[in-house]
N, C-alpha and C. Protein backbone atom coordinates (compact mmCIF):
# COMPACT_ATOMS: atom_id res chain seq x y z
N UNK A 1 56.50 40.70 80.37
CA UNK A 1 55.96 41.13 81.67
C UNK A 1 57.01 40.97 82.76
N UNK A 2 57.69 39.85 82.72
CA UNK A 2 58.72 39.57 83.72
C UNK A 2 59.87 40.55 83.57
N UNK A 3 60.21 40.78 82.30
CA UNK A 3 61.32 41.70 82.03
C UNK A 3 60.99 43.11 82.52
N UNK A 4 59.74 43.54 82.25
CA UNK A 4 59.32 44.87 82.70
C UNK A 4 59.26 44.95 84.20
N UNK A 5 58.83 43.89 84.86
CA UNK A 5 58.75 43.87 86.32
C UNK A 5 60.13 43.95 86.93
N UNK A 6 61.12 43.33 86.29
CA UNK A 6 62.50 43.38 86.80
C UNK A 6 63.05 44.79 86.75
N UNK A 7 62.78 45.51 85.62
CA UNK A 7 63.24 46.89 85.49
C UNK A 7 62.60 47.78 86.55
N UNK A 8 61.32 47.57 86.79
CA UNK A 8 60.61 48.37 87.78
C UNK A 8 61.14 48.13 89.17
N UNK A 9 61.50 46.83 89.41
CA UNK A 9 61.99 46.48 90.74
C UNK A 9 63.36 47.09 91.00
N UNK A 10 64.24 47.17 89.95
CA UNK A 10 65.59 47.68 90.13
C UNK A 10 65.67 49.20 90.16
N UNK A 11 64.64 49.88 89.79
CA UNK A 11 64.64 51.34 89.74
C UNK A 11 64.39 51.93 91.13
N UNK A 12 65.28 52.85 91.57
CA UNK A 12 65.14 53.45 92.90
C UNK A 12 64.14 54.59 92.87
N UNK A 13 63.46 54.81 93.96
CA UNK A 13 62.52 55.94 94.04
C UNK A 13 63.24 57.28 93.84
N UNK A 14 62.51 58.26 93.35
CA UNK A 14 63.10 59.57 93.06
C UNK A 14 63.71 60.21 94.29
N UNK A 15 63.07 60.06 95.46
CA UNK A 15 63.57 60.66 96.69
C UNK A 15 64.93 60.08 97.07
N UNK A 16 65.08 58.76 96.91
CA UNK A 16 66.35 58.11 97.24
C UNK A 16 67.45 58.57 96.30
N UNK A 17 67.11 58.71 95.01
CA UNK A 17 68.11 59.15 94.03
C UNK A 17 68.51 60.61 94.26
N UNK A 18 67.65 61.41 94.87
CA UNK A 18 67.94 62.83 95.10
C UNK A 18 68.75 63.08 96.36
N UNK A 19 68.85 62.08 97.23
CA UNK A 19 69.54 62.28 98.52
C UNK A 19 71.00 62.63 98.31
N UNK A 20 71.70 61.88 97.45
CA UNK A 20 73.13 62.11 97.25
C UNK A 20 73.43 63.51 96.74
N UNK A 21 72.76 64.00 95.67
CA UNK A 21 73.02 65.38 95.23
C UNK A 21 72.69 66.43 96.29
N UNK A 22 71.61 66.21 97.05
CA UNK A 22 71.25 67.16 98.10
C UNK A 22 72.33 67.23 99.17
N UNK A 23 72.84 66.05 99.58
CA UNK A 23 73.90 65.99 100.59
C UNK A 23 75.16 66.70 100.09
N UNK A 24 75.52 66.44 98.83
CA UNK A 24 76.72 67.08 98.26
C UNK A 24 76.56 68.59 98.19
N UNK A 25 75.37 69.07 97.83
CA UNK A 25 75.11 70.51 97.77
C UNK A 25 75.21 71.13 99.15
N UNK A 26 74.63 70.48 100.15
CA UNK A 26 74.69 71.00 101.53
C UNK A 26 76.13 71.05 102.03
N UNK A 27 76.92 70.01 101.74
CA UNK A 27 78.32 70.01 102.14
C UNK A 27 79.07 71.15 101.47
N UNK A 28 78.78 71.36 100.17
CA UNK A 28 79.41 72.46 99.44
C UNK A 28 79.09 73.81 100.05
N UNK A 29 77.82 74.01 100.43
CA UNK A 29 77.41 75.27 101.06
C UNK A 29 78.10 75.45 102.40
N UNK A 30 78.15 74.38 103.21
CA UNK A 30 78.77 74.46 104.53
C UNK A 30 80.25 74.78 104.45
N UNK A 31 80.91 74.35 103.37
CA UNK A 31 82.34 74.64 103.21
C UNK A 31 82.54 76.01 102.56
N UNK A 32 81.75 76.30 101.52
CA UNK A 32 81.97 77.51 100.73
C UNK A 32 81.58 78.77 101.48
N UNK A 33 80.47 78.73 102.25
CA UNK A 33 79.99 79.94 102.91
C UNK A 33 81.00 80.49 103.92
N UNK A 34 81.57 79.66 104.80
CA UNK A 34 82.59 80.21 105.72
C UNK A 34 83.82 80.73 104.98
N UNK A 35 84.25 80.00 103.93
CA UNK A 35 85.42 80.46 103.18
C UNK A 35 85.15 81.80 102.51
N UNK A 36 83.96 81.94 101.92
CA UNK A 36 83.60 83.20 101.28
C UNK A 36 83.52 84.33 102.30
N UNK A 37 82.91 84.04 103.46
CA UNK A 37 82.77 85.06 104.50
C UNK A 37 84.12 85.51 105.01
N UNK A 38 85.02 84.55 105.26
CA UNK A 38 86.35 84.89 105.74
C UNK A 38 87.11 85.71 104.70
N UNK A 39 87.01 85.28 103.42
CA UNK A 39 87.69 86.00 102.35
C UNK A 39 87.16 87.42 102.20
N UNK A 40 85.84 87.56 102.24
CA UNK A 40 85.23 88.89 102.09
C UNK A 40 85.60 89.79 103.27
N UNK A 41 85.53 89.25 104.50
CA UNK A 41 85.88 90.02 105.69
C UNK A 41 87.33 90.48 105.62
N UNK A 42 88.22 89.57 105.17
CA UNK A 42 89.64 89.91 105.06
C UNK A 42 89.85 91.02 104.05
N UNK A 43 89.17 90.93 102.90
CA UNK A 43 89.32 91.95 101.88
C UNK A 43 88.82 93.31 102.37
N UNK A 44 87.71 93.33 103.08
CA UNK A 44 87.16 94.59 103.59
C UNK A 44 88.09 95.19 104.63
N UNK A 45 88.56 94.37 105.56
CA UNK A 45 89.41 94.87 106.64
C UNK A 45 90.76 95.37 106.14
N UNK A 46 91.28 94.75 105.07
CA UNK A 46 92.59 95.14 104.56
C UNK A 46 92.49 96.20 103.47
N UNK A 47 91.31 96.76 103.26
CA UNK A 47 91.12 97.79 102.23
C UNK A 47 90.89 99.17 102.84
N UNK A 48 91.18 99.34 104.12
CA UNK A 48 90.94 100.61 104.79
C UNK A 48 92.24 101.40 104.93
N UNK A 49 92.16 102.72 104.96
CA UNK A 49 93.36 103.53 105.18
C UNK A 49 94.07 103.20 106.50
N UNK A 50 93.30 102.86 107.53
CA UNK A 50 93.92 102.51 108.82
C UNK A 50 94.80 101.28 108.68
N UNK A 51 94.35 100.32 107.87
CA UNK A 51 95.17 99.12 107.67
C UNK A 51 96.43 99.48 106.89
N UNK A 52 96.28 100.33 105.86
CA UNK A 52 97.45 100.75 105.09
C UNK A 52 98.46 101.46 106.00
N UNK A 53 97.95 102.27 106.93
CA UNK A 53 98.83 103.03 107.82
C UNK A 53 99.49 102.15 108.87
N UNK A 54 99.08 100.89 109.00
CA UNK A 54 99.73 100.00 109.95
C UNK A 54 101.15 99.66 109.52
N UNK A 55 101.45 99.90 108.23
CA UNK A 55 102.81 99.73 107.73
C UNK A 55 103.52 101.08 107.83
N UNK A 56 104.65 101.15 108.53
CA UNK A 56 105.23 102.46 108.82
C UNK A 56 105.74 103.15 107.56
N UNK A 57 106.04 102.40 106.50
CA UNK A 57 106.46 103.04 105.25
C UNK A 57 105.32 103.83 104.61
N UNK A 58 104.09 103.41 104.84
CA UNK A 58 102.93 104.03 104.19
C UNK A 58 102.33 105.14 105.05
N UNK A 59 102.70 105.22 106.32
CA UNK A 59 102.11 106.22 107.22
C UNK A 59 102.19 107.65 106.69
N UNK A 60 103.33 108.09 106.15
CA UNK A 60 103.36 109.48 105.63
C UNK A 60 102.36 109.71 104.51
N UNK A 61 102.17 108.70 103.65
CA UNK A 61 101.20 108.84 102.55
C UNK A 61 99.78 108.94 103.10
N UNK A 62 99.46 108.15 104.11
CA UNK A 62 98.13 108.20 104.71
C UNK A 62 97.92 109.52 105.44
N UNK A 63 98.96 110.03 106.09
CA UNK A 63 98.85 111.31 106.79
C UNK A 63 98.59 112.44 105.79
N UNK A 64 99.30 112.42 104.67
CA UNK A 64 99.07 113.45 103.64
C UNK A 64 97.67 113.31 103.04
N UNK A 65 97.22 112.07 102.87
CA UNK A 65 95.86 111.82 102.34
C UNK A 65 94.81 112.42 103.27
N UNK A 66 94.99 112.26 104.58
CA UNK A 66 94.02 112.78 105.54
C UNK A 66 93.91 114.31 105.46
N UNK A 67 94.98 114.98 105.04
CA UNK A 67 94.99 116.44 104.97
C UNK A 67 94.56 116.95 103.60
N UNK A 68 94.30 116.06 102.66
CA UNK A 68 94.00 116.48 101.29
C UNK A 68 92.51 116.72 101.09
N UNK A 69 92.17 117.27 99.93
CA UNK A 69 90.78 117.51 99.60
C UNK A 69 90.04 116.22 99.24
N UNK A 70 90.75 115.11 99.15
CA UNK A 70 90.07 113.82 98.95
C UNK A 70 89.43 113.35 100.24
N UNK A 71 89.74 114.02 101.34
CA UNK A 71 89.09 113.76 102.63
C UNK A 71 88.31 114.99 103.08
N UNK A 72 88.93 116.16 103.00
CA UNK A 72 88.32 117.41 103.45
C UNK A 72 87.83 118.20 102.24
N UNK A 73 86.54 118.14 102.00
CA UNK A 73 85.98 118.89 100.88
C UNK A 73 84.56 119.31 101.21
N UNK A 74 84.06 120.24 100.43
CA UNK A 74 82.77 120.86 100.74
C UNK A 74 81.60 119.91 100.57
N UNK A 75 81.75 118.89 99.73
CA UNK A 75 80.62 117.99 99.47
C UNK A 75 80.58 116.79 100.41
N UNK A 76 81.61 116.64 101.24
CA UNK A 76 81.60 115.58 102.23
C UNK A 76 81.93 114.19 101.71
N UNK A 77 82.54 114.11 100.53
CA UNK A 77 82.92 112.82 99.95
C UNK A 77 84.33 112.45 100.39
N UNK A 78 84.53 111.20 100.80
CA UNK A 78 85.86 110.75 101.18
C UNK A 78 86.28 109.61 100.25
N UNK A 79 87.44 109.76 99.66
CA UNK A 79 87.98 108.77 98.73
C UNK A 79 89.03 107.96 99.46
N UNK A 80 88.83 106.66 99.55
CA UNK A 80 89.77 105.79 100.25
C UNK A 80 90.93 105.38 99.35
N UNK A 81 91.92 104.72 99.96
CA UNK A 81 93.11 104.28 99.22
C UNK A 81 92.73 103.40 98.03
N UNK A 82 91.87 102.43 98.26
CA UNK A 82 91.55 101.48 97.20
C UNK A 82 90.76 102.11 96.07
N UNK A 83 90.11 103.25 96.31
CA UNK A 83 89.36 103.91 95.25
C UNK A 83 90.29 104.39 94.13
N UNK A 84 91.52 104.75 94.50
CA UNK A 84 92.49 105.22 93.50
C UNK A 84 93.48 104.13 93.10
N UNK A 85 93.93 103.36 94.07
CA UNK A 85 95.04 102.44 93.82
C UNK A 85 94.62 101.06 93.34
N UNK A 86 93.33 100.77 93.30
CA UNK A 86 92.87 99.46 92.83
C UNK A 86 91.79 99.63 91.78
N UNK A 87 91.62 98.65 90.91
CA UNK A 87 90.52 98.72 89.93
C UNK A 87 89.18 98.74 90.64
N UNK A 88 88.14 99.05 89.90
CA UNK A 88 86.79 99.06 90.47
C UNK A 88 86.43 97.67 90.98
N UNK A 89 85.77 97.57 92.16
CA UNK A 89 85.43 96.24 92.73
C UNK A 89 84.56 95.40 91.82
N UNK A 90 83.76 96.04 90.93
CA UNK A 90 82.93 95.22 90.04
C UNK A 90 83.76 94.46 89.02
N UNK A 91 85.00 94.93 88.77
CA UNK A 91 85.93 94.14 87.95
C UNK A 91 86.62 93.14 88.87
N UNK A 92 85.85 92.12 89.26
CA UNK A 92 86.23 91.25 90.38
C UNK A 92 87.62 90.66 90.23
N UNK A 93 87.91 90.05 89.08
CA UNK A 93 89.21 89.39 88.92
C UNK A 93 90.34 90.39 89.00
N UNK A 94 90.23 91.51 88.26
CA UNK A 94 91.29 92.53 88.27
C UNK A 94 91.47 93.10 89.67
N UNK A 95 90.36 93.31 90.39
CA UNK A 95 90.43 93.87 91.75
C UNK A 95 91.20 92.93 92.68
N UNK A 96 90.81 91.65 92.71
CA UNK A 96 91.46 90.69 93.61
C UNK A 96 92.92 90.47 93.21
N UNK A 97 93.18 90.41 91.91
CA UNK A 97 94.56 90.20 91.46
C UNK A 97 95.44 91.37 91.87
N UNK A 98 94.96 92.61 91.61
CA UNK A 98 95.75 93.79 91.93
C UNK A 98 95.98 93.91 93.44
N UNK A 99 94.94 93.64 94.22
CA UNK A 99 95.05 93.74 95.67
C UNK A 99 96.05 92.72 96.22
N UNK A 100 95.95 91.48 95.73
CA UNK A 100 96.87 90.43 96.17
C UNK A 100 98.30 90.76 95.78
N UNK A 101 98.47 91.21 94.53
CA UNK A 101 99.82 91.53 94.04
C UNK A 101 100.45 92.64 94.87
N UNK A 102 99.70 93.73 95.10
CA UNK A 102 100.26 94.86 95.85
C UNK A 102 100.56 94.46 97.29
N UNK A 103 99.69 93.65 97.88
CA UNK A 103 99.93 93.21 99.25
C UNK A 103 101.20 92.39 99.37
N UNK A 104 101.38 91.42 98.47
CA UNK A 104 102.58 90.57 98.49
C UNK A 104 103.82 91.41 98.19
N UNK A 105 103.71 92.32 97.22
CA UNK A 105 104.85 93.17 96.84
C UNK A 105 105.31 94.02 98.03
N UNK A 106 104.37 94.66 98.71
CA UNK A 106 104.73 95.54 99.82
C UNK A 106 105.37 94.77 100.98
N UNK A 107 104.83 93.59 101.26
CA UNK A 107 105.41 92.77 102.33
C UNK A 107 106.82 92.32 101.95
N UNK A 108 107.00 91.91 100.68
CA UNK A 108 108.32 91.47 100.22
C UNK A 108 109.32 92.62 100.31
N UNK A 109 108.90 93.83 99.90
CA UNK A 109 109.80 94.99 99.97
C UNK A 109 110.17 95.28 101.42
N UNK A 110 109.18 95.15 102.31
CA UNK A 110 109.42 95.45 103.73
C UNK A 110 110.49 94.53 104.33
N UNK A 111 110.45 93.24 103.99
CA UNK A 111 111.33 92.27 104.63
C UNK A 111 112.63 92.01 103.87
N UNK A 112 112.62 92.18 102.55
CA UNK A 112 113.78 91.75 101.77
C UNK A 112 114.53 92.88 101.06
N UNK A 113 113.98 94.08 101.08
CA UNK A 113 114.65 95.21 100.44
C UNK A 113 115.12 96.16 101.53
N UNK A 114 116.12 96.95 101.20
CA UNK A 114 116.67 97.87 102.19
C UNK A 114 115.72 99.01 102.52
N UNK A 115 116.25 100.20 102.59
CA UNK A 115 115.45 101.36 102.97
C UNK A 115 114.35 101.62 101.93
N UNK A 116 113.18 101.93 102.42
CA UNK A 116 112.03 102.19 101.55
C UNK A 116 112.21 103.51 100.82
N UNK A 117 112.17 103.46 99.50
CA UNK A 117 112.35 104.65 98.67
C UNK A 117 110.98 105.21 98.32
N UNK A 118 110.54 106.24 99.04
CA UNK A 118 109.20 106.80 98.85
C UNK A 118 109.04 107.42 97.47
N UNK A 119 110.08 108.11 97.01
CA UNK A 119 109.97 108.77 95.71
C UNK A 119 109.86 107.74 94.58
N UNK A 120 110.61 106.68 94.67
CA UNK A 120 110.53 105.62 93.66
C UNK A 120 109.16 104.96 93.70
N UNK A 121 108.65 104.71 94.91
CA UNK A 121 107.32 104.12 95.04
C UNK A 121 106.25 105.05 94.48
N UNK A 122 106.41 106.36 94.69
CA UNK A 122 105.45 107.34 94.17
C UNK A 122 105.45 107.31 92.64
N UNK A 123 106.65 107.30 92.03
CA UNK A 123 106.73 107.28 90.57
C UNK A 123 106.12 106.00 90.00
N UNK A 124 106.38 104.90 90.68
CA UNK A 124 105.82 103.62 90.22
C UNK A 124 104.30 103.62 90.30
N UNK A 125 103.75 104.21 91.37
CA UNK A 125 102.30 104.27 91.53
C UNK A 125 101.67 105.14 90.45
N UNK A 126 102.27 106.31 90.19
CA UNK A 126 101.71 107.19 89.17
C UNK A 126 101.80 106.56 87.78
N UNK A 127 102.87 105.83 87.53
CA UNK A 127 103.03 105.18 86.23
C UNK A 127 101.96 104.12 86.01
N UNK A 128 101.48 103.51 87.10
CA UNK A 128 100.49 102.43 86.97
C UNK A 128 99.05 102.94 86.89
N UNK A 129 98.83 104.24 87.16
CA UNK A 129 97.47 104.77 87.14
C UNK A 129 96.89 104.80 85.73
N UNK A 130 95.63 104.47 85.64
CA UNK A 130 94.86 104.66 84.41
C UNK A 130 93.83 105.76 84.66
N UNK A 131 93.42 106.43 83.60
CA UNK A 131 92.40 107.48 83.75
C UNK A 131 91.09 106.92 84.29
N UNK A 132 90.81 105.65 83.99
CA UNK A 132 89.57 105.03 84.48
C UNK A 132 89.49 105.08 86.00
N UNK A 133 90.64 105.00 86.68
CA UNK A 133 90.64 105.00 88.13
C UNK A 133 90.20 106.36 88.68
N UNK A 134 90.55 107.43 87.98
CA UNK A 134 90.10 108.76 88.40
C UNK A 134 88.64 108.98 88.02
N UNK A 135 88.27 108.45 86.85
CA UNK A 135 86.92 108.70 86.34
C UNK A 135 85.86 107.82 87.00
N UNK A 136 86.27 106.97 87.92
CA UNK A 136 85.28 106.27 88.74
C UNK A 136 84.47 107.28 89.55
N UNK A 137 85.13 108.37 89.97
CA UNK A 137 84.45 109.42 90.73
C UNK A 137 84.25 110.68 89.89
N UNK A 138 85.30 111.09 89.19
CA UNK A 138 85.25 112.32 88.38
C UNK A 138 84.70 111.97 87.00
N UNK A 139 83.38 112.08 86.85
CA UNK A 139 82.74 111.61 85.62
C UNK A 139 82.35 112.75 84.68
N UNK A 140 81.70 113.76 85.21
CA UNK A 140 81.15 114.82 84.35
C UNK A 140 82.19 115.92 84.16
N UNK A 141 83.29 115.58 83.51
CA UNK A 141 84.45 116.47 83.44
C UNK A 141 84.31 117.56 82.38
N UNK A 142 83.33 117.43 81.51
CA UNK A 142 83.19 118.43 80.45
C UNK A 142 82.14 119.48 80.76
N UNK A 143 81.47 119.33 81.90
CA UNK A 143 80.47 120.32 82.31
C UNK A 143 81.11 121.31 83.28
N UNK A 144 81.90 122.23 82.72
CA UNK A 144 82.63 123.21 83.54
C UNK A 144 82.42 124.60 82.95
N UNK A 145 81.22 125.15 83.10
CA UNK A 145 80.90 126.44 82.45
C UNK A 145 81.75 127.60 82.92
N UNK A 146 82.32 127.51 84.12
CA UNK A 146 83.10 128.63 84.66
C UNK A 146 84.60 128.46 84.46
N UNK A 147 85.00 127.39 83.79
CA UNK A 147 86.43 127.15 83.58
C UNK A 147 86.63 126.49 82.22
N UNK A 148 86.62 127.32 81.19
CA UNK A 148 86.74 126.80 79.83
C UNK A 148 88.08 126.12 79.59
N UNK A 149 89.15 126.69 80.17
CA UNK A 149 90.47 126.10 79.98
C UNK A 149 90.55 124.69 80.52
N UNK A 150 90.01 124.48 81.74
CA UNK A 150 90.02 123.15 82.33
C UNK A 150 89.15 122.19 81.53
N UNK A 151 88.01 122.67 81.04
CA UNK A 151 87.13 121.83 80.24
C UNK A 151 87.83 121.37 78.97
N UNK A 152 88.54 122.30 78.29
CA UNK A 152 89.25 121.95 77.06
C UNK A 152 90.38 120.96 77.34
N UNK A 153 91.07 121.15 78.47
CA UNK A 153 92.14 120.21 78.84
C UNK A 153 91.57 118.82 79.09
N UNK A 154 90.43 118.77 79.76
CA UNK A 154 89.79 117.48 80.02
C UNK A 154 89.33 116.82 78.73
N UNK A 155 88.78 117.62 77.83
CA UNK A 155 88.30 117.07 76.56
C UNK A 155 89.45 116.50 75.74
N UNK A 156 90.59 117.21 75.76
CA UNK A 156 91.76 116.74 75.02
C UNK A 156 92.31 115.44 75.61
N UNK A 157 92.06 115.23 76.90
CA UNK A 157 92.51 114.00 77.54
C UNK A 157 91.54 112.85 77.31
N UNK A 158 90.25 113.13 77.44
CA UNK A 158 89.24 112.08 77.28
C UNK A 158 89.15 111.62 75.83
N UNK A 159 89.18 112.59 74.90
CA UNK A 159 89.09 112.27 73.47
C UNK A 159 90.44 112.58 72.80
N UNK A 160 91.48 111.96 73.33
CA UNK A 160 92.84 112.27 72.86
C UNK A 160 93.09 111.75 71.45
N UNK A 161 93.79 112.56 70.67
CA UNK A 161 94.22 112.12 69.35
C UNK A 161 95.37 111.13 69.51
N UNK A 162 95.54 110.26 68.53
CA UNK A 162 96.60 109.27 68.59
C UNK A 162 97.95 109.96 68.66
N UNK A 163 98.74 109.54 69.63
CA UNK A 163 100.05 110.16 69.84
C UNK A 163 100.03 111.31 70.81
N UNK A 164 98.84 111.74 71.24
CA UNK A 164 98.71 112.86 72.18
C UNK A 164 98.00 112.43 73.47
N UNK A 165 98.07 111.15 73.78
CA UNK A 165 97.38 110.64 74.96
C UNK A 165 98.04 111.20 76.23
N UNK A 166 97.21 111.48 77.20
CA UNK A 166 97.68 111.96 78.50
C UNK A 166 96.95 111.24 79.62
N UNK A 167 97.59 111.24 80.78
CA UNK A 167 96.94 110.72 81.98
C UNK A 167 96.49 111.88 82.85
N UNK A 168 95.48 111.63 83.65
CA UNK A 168 95.02 112.67 84.59
C UNK A 168 96.17 113.13 85.49
N UNK A 169 97.01 112.17 85.92
CA UNK A 169 98.09 112.50 86.85
C UNK A 169 99.24 113.23 86.19
N UNK A 170 99.23 113.35 84.85
CA UNK A 170 100.26 114.16 84.20
C UNK A 170 100.10 115.62 84.61
N UNK A 171 98.87 116.06 84.82
CA UNK A 171 98.61 117.43 85.28
C UNK A 171 98.35 117.47 86.79
N UNK A 172 97.51 116.58 87.26
CA UNK A 172 97.12 116.58 88.68
C UNK A 172 98.08 115.69 89.47
N UNK A 173 99.29 116.18 89.59
CA UNK A 173 100.34 115.46 90.29
C UNK A 173 100.43 115.99 91.73
N UNK A 174 100.72 115.13 92.67
CA UNK A 174 100.80 115.54 94.08
C UNK A 174 99.49 116.11 94.60
N UNK A 175 98.40 115.71 94.02
CA UNK A 175 97.10 116.24 94.45
C UNK A 175 96.72 115.74 95.84
N UNK A 176 97.09 114.52 96.16
CA UNK A 176 96.70 113.91 97.43
C UNK A 176 97.91 113.72 98.34
N UNK A 177 98.94 113.04 97.83
CA UNK A 177 100.09 112.72 98.67
C UNK A 177 101.14 113.82 98.58
N UNK A 178 100.77 114.97 99.13
CA UNK A 178 101.64 116.13 99.14
C UNK A 178 101.91 116.50 100.59
N UNK A 179 103.14 116.32 101.01
CA UNK A 179 103.48 116.55 102.42
C UNK A 179 103.34 118.01 102.82
N UNK A 180 103.35 118.94 101.84
CA UNK A 180 103.29 120.37 102.15
C UNK A 180 101.88 120.92 102.13
N UNK A 181 100.93 120.09 101.79
CA UNK A 181 99.57 120.60 101.62
C UNK A 181 98.98 121.02 102.97
N UNK A 182 98.16 122.04 102.97
CA UNK A 182 97.48 122.51 104.19
C UNK A 182 96.01 122.12 104.11
N UNK A 183 95.43 121.85 105.24
CA UNK A 183 94.01 121.48 105.27
C UNK A 183 93.17 122.71 104.98
N UNK A 184 92.34 122.64 103.97
CA UNK A 184 91.49 123.77 103.61
C UNK A 184 90.03 123.31 103.62
N UNK A 185 89.24 123.85 104.49
CA UNK A 185 87.81 123.54 104.50
C UNK A 185 87.13 124.61 103.63
N UNK A 186 86.87 124.26 102.39
CA UNK A 186 86.41 125.26 101.43
C UNK A 186 85.03 125.81 101.76
N UNK A 187 84.26 125.05 102.55
CA UNK A 187 82.94 125.57 102.89
C UNK A 187 83.03 126.71 103.90
N UNK A 188 84.20 126.87 104.54
CA UNK A 188 84.36 127.94 105.52
C UNK A 188 85.30 129.05 105.05
N UNK A 189 86.28 128.71 104.23
CA UNK A 189 87.28 129.69 103.82
C UNK A 189 87.15 129.97 102.34
N UNK A 190 87.00 131.22 101.97
CA UNK A 190 86.89 131.62 100.58
C UNK A 190 88.26 132.09 100.10
N UNK A 191 88.93 131.25 99.33
CA UNK A 191 90.26 131.59 98.84
C UNK A 191 90.26 131.58 97.31
N UNK A 192 91.17 132.32 96.69
CA UNK A 192 91.28 132.27 95.22
C UNK A 192 91.63 130.85 94.79
N UNK A 193 91.18 130.47 93.61
CA UNK A 193 91.47 129.13 93.08
C UNK A 193 92.98 128.99 92.85
N UNK A 194 93.56 127.94 93.40
CA UNK A 194 95.01 127.75 93.34
C UNK A 194 95.43 126.52 92.55
N UNK A 195 94.47 125.72 92.08
CA UNK A 195 94.79 124.53 91.28
C UNK A 195 95.80 123.64 91.99
N UNK A 196 95.48 123.27 93.22
CA UNK A 196 96.40 122.43 93.99
C UNK A 196 96.65 121.11 93.26
N UNK A 197 97.88 120.68 93.29
CA UNK A 197 98.22 119.39 92.71
C UNK A 197 98.64 119.45 91.27
N UNK A 198 98.48 120.62 90.60
CA UNK A 198 98.89 120.71 89.20
C UNK A 198 100.42 120.70 89.13
N UNK A 199 100.91 119.93 88.19
CA UNK A 199 102.37 119.85 88.01
C UNK A 199 102.85 121.15 87.37
N UNK A 200 103.84 121.75 87.95
CA UNK A 200 104.44 122.99 87.41
C UNK A 200 105.79 122.65 86.83
N UNK A 201 105.91 122.78 85.53
CA UNK A 201 107.18 122.48 84.87
C UNK A 201 108.14 123.65 85.06
N UNK A 202 109.35 123.33 85.50
CA UNK A 202 110.36 124.36 85.69
C UNK A 202 111.13 124.57 84.38
N UNK A 203 111.54 125.79 84.11
CA UNK A 203 112.30 126.06 82.87
C UNK A 203 113.56 125.23 82.81
N UNK A 204 113.79 124.67 81.63
CA UNK A 204 115.02 123.89 81.44
C UNK A 204 114.91 122.46 81.85
N UNK A 205 113.70 122.01 82.31
CA UNK A 205 113.52 120.61 82.73
C UNK A 205 112.69 119.88 81.69
């Protein structure tokens, strides 16, 4: 009886035992919520074309993007820089890693490298593209009843045989960042199909 009474006396009430975990949880929330909010706000603000254009090396690319069909099109869809140049946001780790890497790389090039080589940067960007980045938006590529040739080309790319793999940008090169492109509002101007952005191989190259 005495032994049992001693155990009962030394045991703390449930409310008292719960105070420490509750306090630690509240402290964690108070610290984590502002950090998460600041991080999220920073990511959103630095993922806009206007932010990209704040770097003078990138301004020509943003200007060409504004004139492309990725901004001006009949369906009213606008594709931002991060839609093409970064993984899908739902791939959280890959998205944050790629964004951080590109940000640090561009700043380092700006301060520690000589003149910015736009053509080299363009080749590097195209080399890093995966078809998944294009297919985030362009999904139903095989439903093209009025263009059998394009449908067959897409099918050969999506279901490529081993050794015959291709990237979307192998054909659709200079589709967006083309300094010579003219703004075409297709809902107002009826022009023959010109396949803008398709790479044209020159004889002997």
